[in-house]
């Protein structure tokens, strides 16, 4: 199978761009912690930030996987 590493690296960069975008959305759309605490919605606020950071972590891991897959040599050829 002929792999084009440029396609894999470009897709890894695109996926890696998802990490800061998800954190930026969280910073823009969610209220500050003090506001959430005063409103009594601290638990949902913390859970939402956990999901945002997990999305960023998964994006970094997936980008690493895409780079590793694109750069590896085929075992059969």
N, C-alpha and C. Protein backbone atom coordinates (compact mmCIF):
# COMPACT_ATOMS: atom_id res chain seq x y z
N UNK A 1 0.85 -1.17 0.00
CA UNK A 1 0.00 0.00 0.00
C UNK A 1 0.89 1.23 0.00
N UNK A 2 0.62 2.14 -0.86
CA UNK A 2 1.41 3.35 -0.99
C UNK A 2 0.81 4.45 -0.12
N UNK A 3 1.56 4.88 0.87
CA UNK A 3 1.08 5.94 1.77
C UNK A 3 1.74 7.27 1.39
N UNK A 4 0.95 8.29 1.39
CA UNK A 4 1.47 9.62 1.14
C UNK A 4 1.57 10.32 2.50
N UNK A 5 2.79 10.48 3.04
CA UNK A 5 2.90 11.06 4.39
C UNK A 5 2.41 12.50 4.48
N UNK A 6 2.40 13.22 3.39
CA UNK A 6 1.96 14.62 3.44
C UNK A 6 0.48 14.68 3.81
N UNK A 7 -0.33 13.79 3.26
CA UNK A 7 -1.76 13.77 3.58
C UNK A 7 -1.99 13.47 5.06
N UNK A 8 -1.22 12.53 5.59
CA UNK A 8 -1.37 12.16 7.00
C UNK A 8 -0.95 13.30 7.92
N UNK A 9 0.14 13.98 7.57
CA UNK A 9 0.63 15.07 8.41
C UNK A 9 -0.32 16.27 8.35
N UNK A 10 -0.85 16.56 7.18
CA UNK A 10 -1.81 17.66 7.05
C UNK A 10 -3.07 17.37 7.86
N UNK A 11 -3.54 16.12 7.80
CA UNK A 11 -4.72 15.78 8.60
C UNK A 11 -4.40 15.82 10.09
N UNK A 12 -3.18 15.46 10.48
CA UNK A 12 -2.79 15.55 11.89
C UNK A 12 -2.76 17.00 12.36
N UNK A 13 -2.29 17.89 11.52
CA UNK A 13 -2.28 19.31 11.88
C UNK A 13 -3.71 19.83 12.00
N UNK A 14 -4.59 19.39 11.11
CA UNK A 14 -5.99 19.81 11.18
C UNK A 14 -6.64 19.32 12.48
N UNK A 15 -6.37 18.07 12.84
CA UNK A 15 -6.93 17.51 14.08
C UNK A 15 -6.31 18.21 15.29
N UNK A 16 -5.04 18.52 15.21
CA UNK A 16 -4.36 19.20 16.32
C UNK A 16 -4.93 20.60 16.53
N UNK A 17 -5.42 21.22 15.48
CA UNK A 17 -6.07 22.52 15.61
C UNK A 17 -7.35 22.47 16.41
N UNK A 18 -7.91 21.27 16.56
CA UNK A 18 -9.14 21.12 17.32
C UNK A 18 -8.92 21.37 18.81
N UNK A 19 -7.74 21.09 19.32
CA UNK A 19 -7.45 21.25 20.76
C UNK A 19 -7.59 22.71 21.20
N UNK A 20 -6.87 23.66 20.61
CA UNK A 20 -7.05 25.04 21.07
C UNK A 20 -8.42 25.61 20.74
N UNK A 21 -9.04 25.13 19.68
CA UNK A 21 -10.38 25.63 19.33
C UNK A 21 -11.38 25.22 20.39
N UNK A 22 -11.30 23.97 20.87
CA UNK A 22 -12.24 23.53 21.90
C UNK A 22 -12.04 24.30 23.20
N UNK A 23 -10.80 24.56 23.58
CA UNK A 23 -10.53 25.34 24.79
C UNK A 23 -11.00 26.79 24.61
N UNK A 24 -10.79 27.33 23.43
CA UNK A 24 -11.23 28.70 23.15
C UNK A 24 -12.75 28.81 23.22
N UNK A 25 -13.46 27.83 22.67
CA UNK A 25 -14.92 27.83 22.78
C UNK A 25 -15.36 27.78 24.24
N UNK A 26 -14.67 26.96 25.04
CA UNK A 26 -15.02 26.88 26.45
C UNK A 26 -14.80 28.20 27.17
N UNK A 27 -13.69 28.86 26.87
CA UNK A 27 -13.40 30.14 27.51
C UNK A 27 -14.39 31.21 27.08
N UNK A 28 -14.87 31.11 25.85
CA UNK A 28 -15.80 32.11 25.33
C UNK A 28 -17.23 31.87 25.79
N UNK A 29 -17.67 30.62 25.77
CA UNK A 29 -19.08 30.32 26.00
C UNK A 29 -19.44 30.05 27.45
N UNK A 30 -18.49 29.60 28.26
CA UNK A 30 -18.80 29.29 29.65
C UNK A 30 -18.55 30.51 30.54
N UNK A 31 -19.35 30.64 31.58
CA UNK A 31 -19.10 31.75 32.51
C UNK A 31 -17.87 31.46 33.36
N UNK A 32 -17.42 32.47 34.07
CA UNK A 32 -16.29 32.28 34.98
C UNK A 32 -16.69 31.35 36.12
N UNK A 33 -15.68 30.78 36.77
CA UNK A 33 -15.95 29.85 37.86
C UNK A 33 -16.72 30.53 39.00
N UNK A 34 -16.36 31.74 39.30
CA UNK A 34 -17.05 32.45 40.40
C UNK A 34 -18.52 32.69 40.07
N UNK A 35 -18.81 32.98 38.82
CA UNK A 35 -20.21 33.18 38.42
C UNK A 35 -20.97 31.86 38.53
N UNK A 36 -20.36 30.77 38.10
CA UNK A 36 -21.02 29.47 38.19
C UNK A 36 -21.22 29.05 39.65
N UNK A 37 -20.26 29.39 40.48
CA UNK A 37 -20.38 29.05 41.90
C UNK A 37 -21.50 29.84 42.56
N UNK A 38 -21.61 31.11 42.23
CA UNK A 38 -22.68 31.94 42.79
C UNK A 38 -24.05 31.49 42.31
N UNK A 39 -24.12 31.01 41.08
CA UNK A 39 -25.40 30.56 40.52
C UNK A 39 -25.76 29.15 40.98
N UNK A 40 -24.83 28.47 41.61
CA UNK A 40 -25.10 27.12 42.08
C UNK A 40 -24.95 26.06 41.00
N UNK A 41 -24.22 26.39 39.95
CA UNK A 41 -24.03 25.45 38.84
C UNK A 41 -22.56 25.06 38.69
N UNK A 42 -21.88 24.89 39.80
CA UNK A 42 -20.45 24.58 39.75
C UNK A 42 -20.18 23.17 39.22
N UNK A 43 -20.99 22.20 39.62
CA UNK A 43 -20.76 20.82 39.18
C UNK A 43 -20.90 20.69 37.66
N UNK A 44 -21.97 21.21 37.05
CA UNK A 44 -22.03 21.15 35.58
C UNK A 44 -20.90 21.92 34.91
N UNK A 45 -20.47 23.01 35.52
CA UNK A 45 -19.36 23.80 34.98
C UNK A 45 -18.08 22.97 34.98
N UNK A 46 -17.80 22.28 36.08
CA UNK A 46 -16.60 21.44 36.17
C UNK A 46 -16.68 20.27 35.19
N UNK A 47 -17.84 19.65 35.07
CA UNK A 47 -18.00 18.54 34.13
C UNK A 47 -17.83 19.00 32.69
N UNK A 48 -18.31 20.18 32.37
CA UNK A 48 -18.15 20.70 31.02
C UNK A 48 -16.69 20.96 30.71
N UNK A 49 -15.95 21.54 31.67
CA UNK A 49 -14.52 21.76 31.45
C UNK A 49 -13.77 20.43 31.34
N UNK A 50 -14.21 19.41 32.07
CA UNK A 50 -13.57 18.10 31.95
C UNK A 50 -13.76 17.54 30.54
N UNK A 51 -14.94 17.72 29.98
CA UNK A 51 -15.19 17.25 28.62
C UNK A 51 -14.36 18.04 27.61
N UNK A 52 -14.23 19.34 27.83
CA UNK A 52 -13.44 20.18 26.93
C UNK A 52 -11.97 19.75 26.96
N UNK A 53 -11.41 19.53 28.13
CA UNK A 53 -10.00 19.13 28.23
C UNK A 53 -9.78 17.71 27.71
N UNK A 54 -10.77 16.83 27.87
CA UNK A 54 -10.65 15.49 27.29
C UNK A 54 -10.65 15.56 25.76
N UNK A 55 -11.46 16.46 25.20
CA UNK A 55 -11.47 16.64 23.76
C UNK A 55 -10.11 17.13 23.27
N UNK A 56 -9.51 18.04 23.99
CA UNK A 56 -8.18 18.55 23.61
C UNK A 56 -7.14 17.43 23.72
N UNK A 57 -7.21 16.63 24.76
CA UNK A 57 -6.26 15.53 24.94
C UNK A 57 -6.42 14.49 23.83
N UNK A 58 -7.65 14.15 23.51
CA UNK A 58 -7.91 13.17 22.46
C UNK A 58 -7.42 13.70 21.11
N UNK A 59 -7.57 14.98 20.86
CA UNK A 59 -7.09 15.57 19.61
C UNK A 59 -5.57 15.45 19.50
N UNK A 60 -4.86 15.65 20.60
CA UNK A 60 -3.40 15.53 20.58
C UNK A 60 -2.99 14.06 20.35
N UNK A 61 -3.67 13.15 21.01
CA UNK A 61 -3.35 11.73 20.84
C UNK A 61 -3.65 11.28 19.40
N UNK A 62 -4.79 11.71 18.88
CA UNK A 62 -5.15 11.34 17.51
C UNK A 62 -4.17 11.92 16.50
N UNK A 63 -3.72 13.14 16.71
CA UNK A 63 -2.73 13.74 15.82
C UNK A 63 -1.43 12.94 15.85
N UNK A 64 -1.01 12.52 17.03
CA UNK A 64 0.19 11.68 17.13
C UNK A 64 0.02 10.37 16.40
N UNK A 65 -1.16 9.77 16.52
CA UNK A 65 -1.44 8.52 15.81
C UNK A 65 -1.39 8.72 14.30
N UNK A 66 -1.96 9.80 13.82
CA UNK A 66 -1.96 10.07 12.37
C UNK A 66 -0.55 10.28 11.85
N UNK A 67 0.27 11.00 12.59
CA UNK A 67 1.65 11.21 12.17
C UNK A 67 2.42 9.89 12.17
N UNK A 68 2.23 9.09 13.22
CA UNK A 68 2.93 7.81 13.29
C UNK A 68 2.49 6.87 12.17
N UNK A 69 1.21 6.87 11.85
CA UNK A 69 0.71 6.02 10.78
C UNK A 69 1.22 6.47 9.43
N UNK A 70 1.25 7.74 9.19
CA UNK A 70 1.73 8.25 7.91
C UNK A 70 3.21 8.09 7.71
N UNK A 71 3.97 8.07 8.78
CA UNK A 71 5.44 7.98 8.65
C UNK A 71 5.97 6.56 8.69
N UNK A 72 5.15 5.60 9.09
CA UNK A 72 5.69 4.23 9.20
C UNK A 72 5.84 3.57 7.85
N UNK A 73 6.75 2.63 7.80
CA UNK A 73 6.97 1.84 6.60
C UNK A 73 6.02 0.65 6.63
N UNK A 74 5.58 0.22 5.48
CA UNK A 74 4.73 -0.97 5.42
C UNK A 74 5.55 -2.20 5.76
N UNK A 75 4.98 -3.09 6.51
CA UNK A 75 5.68 -4.31 6.90
C UNK A 75 5.81 -5.26 5.72
N UNK A 76 4.92 -5.18 4.74
CA UNK A 76 4.94 -6.10 3.63
C UNK A 76 5.76 -5.59 2.45
N UNK A 77 6.07 -4.35 2.42
CA UNK A 77 6.73 -3.88 1.21
C UNK A 77 7.74 -2.87 1.46
